[in-house]
Amino acid sequence: MKEEEGSTTASASTSTAPNKQIYVQVINDLEGKTLVAAASNDKALAAETKGKNGIDAAAIVGKAIAERALAAGITKVAFDRGGYLFHGRVKSLADAAREGGLVF
């Protein structure tokens, strides 16, 4: 999904899924600032994601980004899959973020 250009109500959620880790950030596109972030190698999540397959680790990261965004008062985001196909780890992350309360 794409954020409407110049929108102040939604932040962009960008995901990156290189070979081993998965990263996601909620950013304010207008100011270019990262509001919240989560990653499978994040100190708070590394122990929980260690030994998990990529899809399970992505779900943990998705849940974490939803919790962190809601704690920061962010409920609506535009999901940018970063050029990756919407399946596997990217889909798992998005589904977990939606289940966690984010709207996109």
C-alpha atoms as a PDB file:
ATOM      1  CA  MET A   1       0.000   0.000   0.000  1.00  0.00           C
ATOM      2  CA  LYS A   2       1.208   3.495  -0.658  1.00  0.00           C
ATOM      3  CA  GLU A   3       0.812   6.484   1.551  1.00  0.00           C
ATOM      4  CA  GLU A   4      -0.823   9.501   0.006  1.00  0.00           C
ATOM      5  CA  GLU A   5       1.844  12.088  -0.685  1.00  0.00           C
ATOM      6  CA  GLY A   6       1.797  14.793   1.972  1.00  0.00           C
ATOM      7  CA  SER A   7      -0.510  12.860   4.293  1.00  0.00           C
ATOM      8  CA  THR A   8      -0.054  13.694   7.956  1.00  0.00           C
ATOM      9  CA  THR A   9      -2.408  11.026   9.311  1.00  0.00           C
ATOM     10  CA  ALA A  10      -0.389   7.974   8.254  1.00  0.00           C
ATOM     11  CA  SER A  11       3.211   7.022   8.658  1.00  0.00           C
ATOM     12  CA  ALA A  12       4.983   4.640   6.340  1.00  0.00           C
ATOM     13  CA  SER A  13       6.017   1.213   7.523  1.00  0.00           C
ATOM     14  CA  THR A  14       8.965  -0.054   5.519  1.00  0.00           C
ATOM     15  CA  SER A  15      10.303  -3.566   5.612  1.00  0.00           C
ATOM     16  CA  THR A  16      13.628  -5.021   4.557  1.00  0.00           C
ATOM     17  CA  ALA A  17      14.151  -8.751   4.322  1.00  0.00           C
ATOM     18  CA  PRO A  18      17.726  -9.652   3.432  1.00  0.00           C
ATOM     19  CA  ASN A  19      18.861 -13.271   3.645  1.00  0.00           C
ATOM     20  CA  LYS A  20      19.042 -13.747   7.416  1.00  0.00           C
ATOM     21  CA  GLN A  21      17.267 -10.911   9.248  1.00  0.00           C
ATOM     22  CA  ILE A  22      14.115  -8.855   8.844  1.00  0.00           C
ATOM     23  CA  TYR A  23      13.807  -5.173   9.712  1.00  0.00           C
ATOM     24  CA  VAL A  24      10.810  -2.842   9.873  1.00  0.00           C
ATOM     25  CA  GLN A  25      10.464   0.847  10.719  1.00  0.00           C
ATOM     26  CA  VAL A  26       7.572   3.229  11.075  1.00  0.00           C
ATOM     27  CA  ILE A  27       8.718   6.524   9.636  1.00  0.00           C
ATOM     28  CA  ASN A  28       7.294   9.989   9.227  1.00  0.00           C
ATOM     29  CA  ASP A  29       7.800  10.603   5.522  1.00  0.00           C
ATOM     30  CA  LEU A  30       7.266  14.346   5.808  1.00  0.00           C
ATOM     31  CA  GLU A  31      10.050  14.819   8.364  1.00  0.00           C
ATOM     32  CA  GLY A  32      12.172  11.829   7.355  1.00  0.00           C
ATOM     33  CA  LYS A  33      12.311  10.551  10.937  1.00  0.00           C
ATOM     34  CA  THR A  34      12.073   7.006  12.223  1.00  0.00           C
ATOM     35  CA  LEU A  35       9.342   6.870  14.864  1.00  0.00           C
ATOM     36  CA  VAL A  36       9.680   3.221  15.939  1.00  0.00           C
ATOM     37  CA  ALA A  37      11.620   0.233  14.640  1.00  0.00           C
ATOM     38  CA  ALA A  38      12.017  -3.497  15.204  1.00  0.00           C
ATOM     39  CA  ALA A  39      14.333  -6.147  13.800  1.00  0.00           C
ATOM     40  CA  SER A  40      14.928  -9.840  14.257  1.00  0.00           C
ATOM     41  CA  ASN A  41      18.415  -9.043  15.588  1.00  0.00           C
ATOM     42  CA  ASP A  42      17.152  -6.303  17.919  1.00  0.00           C
ATOM     43  CA  LYS A  43      18.474  -6.829  21.470  1.00  0.00           C
ATOM     44  CA  ALA A  44      14.955  -7.182  22.870  1.00  0.00           C
ATOM     45  CA  LEU A  45      13.913  -9.709  20.196  1.00  0.00           C
ATOM     46  CA  ALA A  46      17.126 -11.609  19.402  1.00  0.00           C
ATOM     47  CA  ALA A  47      16.630 -14.262  22.066  1.00  0.00           C
ATOM     48  CA  GLU A  48      13.018 -14.806  21.014  1.00  0.00           C
ATOM     49  CA  THR A  49      13.819 -15.064  17.289  1.00  0.00           C
ATOM     50  CA  LYS A  50      16.993 -17.144  17.651  1.00  0.00           C
ATOM     51  CA  GLY A  51      16.546 -20.585  16.129  1.00  0.00           C
ATOM     52  CA  LYS A  52      13.207 -19.700  14.527  1.00  0.00           C
ATOM     53  CA  ASN A  53      12.626 -20.026  10.817  1.00  0.00           C
ATOM     54  CA  GLY A  54      12.286 -16.794   8.841  1.00  0.00           C
ATOM     55  CA  ILE A  55       8.480 -16.751   8.779  1.00  0.00           C
ATOM     56  CA  ASP A  56       8.167 -17.277  12.541  1.00  0.00           C
ATOM     57  CA  ALA A  57      10.832 -14.644  13.255  1.00  0.00           C
ATOM     58  CA  ALA A  58       9.031 -12.178  10.962  1.00  0.00           C
ATOM     59  CA  ALA A  59       5.788 -12.739  12.883  1.00  0.00           C
ATOM     60  CA  ILE A  60       7.580 -11.931  16.143  1.00  0.00           C
ATOM     61  CA  VAL A  61       8.992  -8.738  14.602  1.00  0.00           C
ATOM     62  CA  GLY A  62       5.549  -7.811  13.235  1.00  0.00           C
ATOM     63  CA  LYS A  63       3.982  -8.195  16.660  1.00  0.00           C
ATOM     64  CA  ALA A  64       6.778  -6.125  18.214  1.00  0.00           C
ATOM     65  CA  ILE A  65       6.432  -3.259  15.710  1.00  0.00           C
ATOM     66  CA  ALA A  66       2.677  -3.168  16.334  1.00  0.00           C
ATOM     67  CA  GLU A  67       3.209  -2.987  20.111  1.00  0.00           C
ATOM     68  CA  ARG A  68       5.840  -0.263  19.773  1.00  0.00           C
ATOM     69  CA  ALA A  69       3.777   1.774  17.307  1.00  0.00           C
ATOM     70  CA  LEU A  70       0.654   1.587  19.468  1.00  0.00           C
ATOM     71  CA  ALA A  71       2.705   2.631  22.498  1.00  0.00           C
ATOM     72  CA  ALA A  72       3.871   5.668  20.489  1.00  0.00           C
ATOM     73  CA  GLY A  73       0.271   6.525  19.579  1.00  0.00           C
ATOM     74  CA  ILE A  74       0.487   5.321  15.963  1.00  0.00           C
ATOM     75  CA  THR A  75      -2.415   3.203  14.739  1.00  0.00           C
ATOM     76  CA  LYS A  76      -2.468   3.741  10.976  1.00  0.00           C
ATOM     77  CA  VAL A  77       0.447   3.147   8.618  1.00  0.00           C
ATOM     78  CA  ALA A  78       1.058   2.539   4.938  1.00  0.00           C
ATOM     79  CA  PHE A  79       2.953  -0.708   4.404  1.00  0.00           C
ATOM     80  CA  ASP A  80       5.860  -0.538   1.956  1.00  0.00           C
ATOM     81  CA  ARG A  81       7.155  -4.018   1.226  1.00  0.00           C
ATOM     82  CA  GLY A  82      10.412  -2.557  -0.068  1.00  0.00           C
ATOM     83  CA  GLY A  83      10.256  -4.234  -3.474  1.00  0.00           C
ATOM     84  CA  TYR A  84       9.896  -7.708  -1.986  1.00  0.00           C
ATOM     85  CA  LEU A  85       7.007  -9.936  -3.051  1.00  0.00           C
ATOM     86  CA  PHE A  86       4.142 -10.066  -0.570  1.00  0.00           C
ATOM     87  CA  HIS A  87       4.638 -13.652   0.580  1.00  0.00           C
ATOM     88  CA  GLY A  88       6.724 -15.568   3.064  1.00  0.00           C
ATOM     89  CA  ARG A  89       8.467 -13.379   5.633  1.00  0.00           C
ATOM     90  CA  VAL A  90       7.036 -10.084   4.380  1.00  0.00           C
ATOM     91  CA  LYS A  91       3.474 -11.438   4.517  1.00  0.00           C
ATOM     92  CA  SER A  92       4.078 -12.946   7.955  1.00  0.00           C
ATOM     93  CA  LEU A  93       5.377  -9.618   9.273  1.00  0.00           C
ATOM     94  CA  ALA A  94       2.414  -7.709   7.814  1.00  0.00           C
ATOM     95  CA  ASP A  95      -0.164 -10.184   9.124  1.00  0.00           C
ATOM     96  CA  ALA A  96       1.316 -10.093  12.639  1.00  0.00           C
ATOM     97  CA  ALA A  97       1.397  -6.283  12.607  1.00  0.00           C
ATOM     98  CA  ARG A  98      -2.280  -6.204  11.599  1.00  0.00           C
ATOM     99  CA  GLU A  99      -3.156  -8.728  14.303  1.00  0.00           C
ATOM    100  CA  GLY A 100      -1.249  -6.539  16.756  1.00  0.00           C
ATOM    101  CA  GLY A 101      -3.530  -3.588  15.984  1.00  0.00           C
ATOM    102  CA  LEU A 102      -1.903  -1.638  13.152  1.00  0.00           C
ATOM    103  CA  VAL A 103      -4.195  -0.568  10.324  1.00  0.00           C
ATOM    104  CA  PHE A 104      -2.946  -0.561   6.723  1.00  0.00           C
END
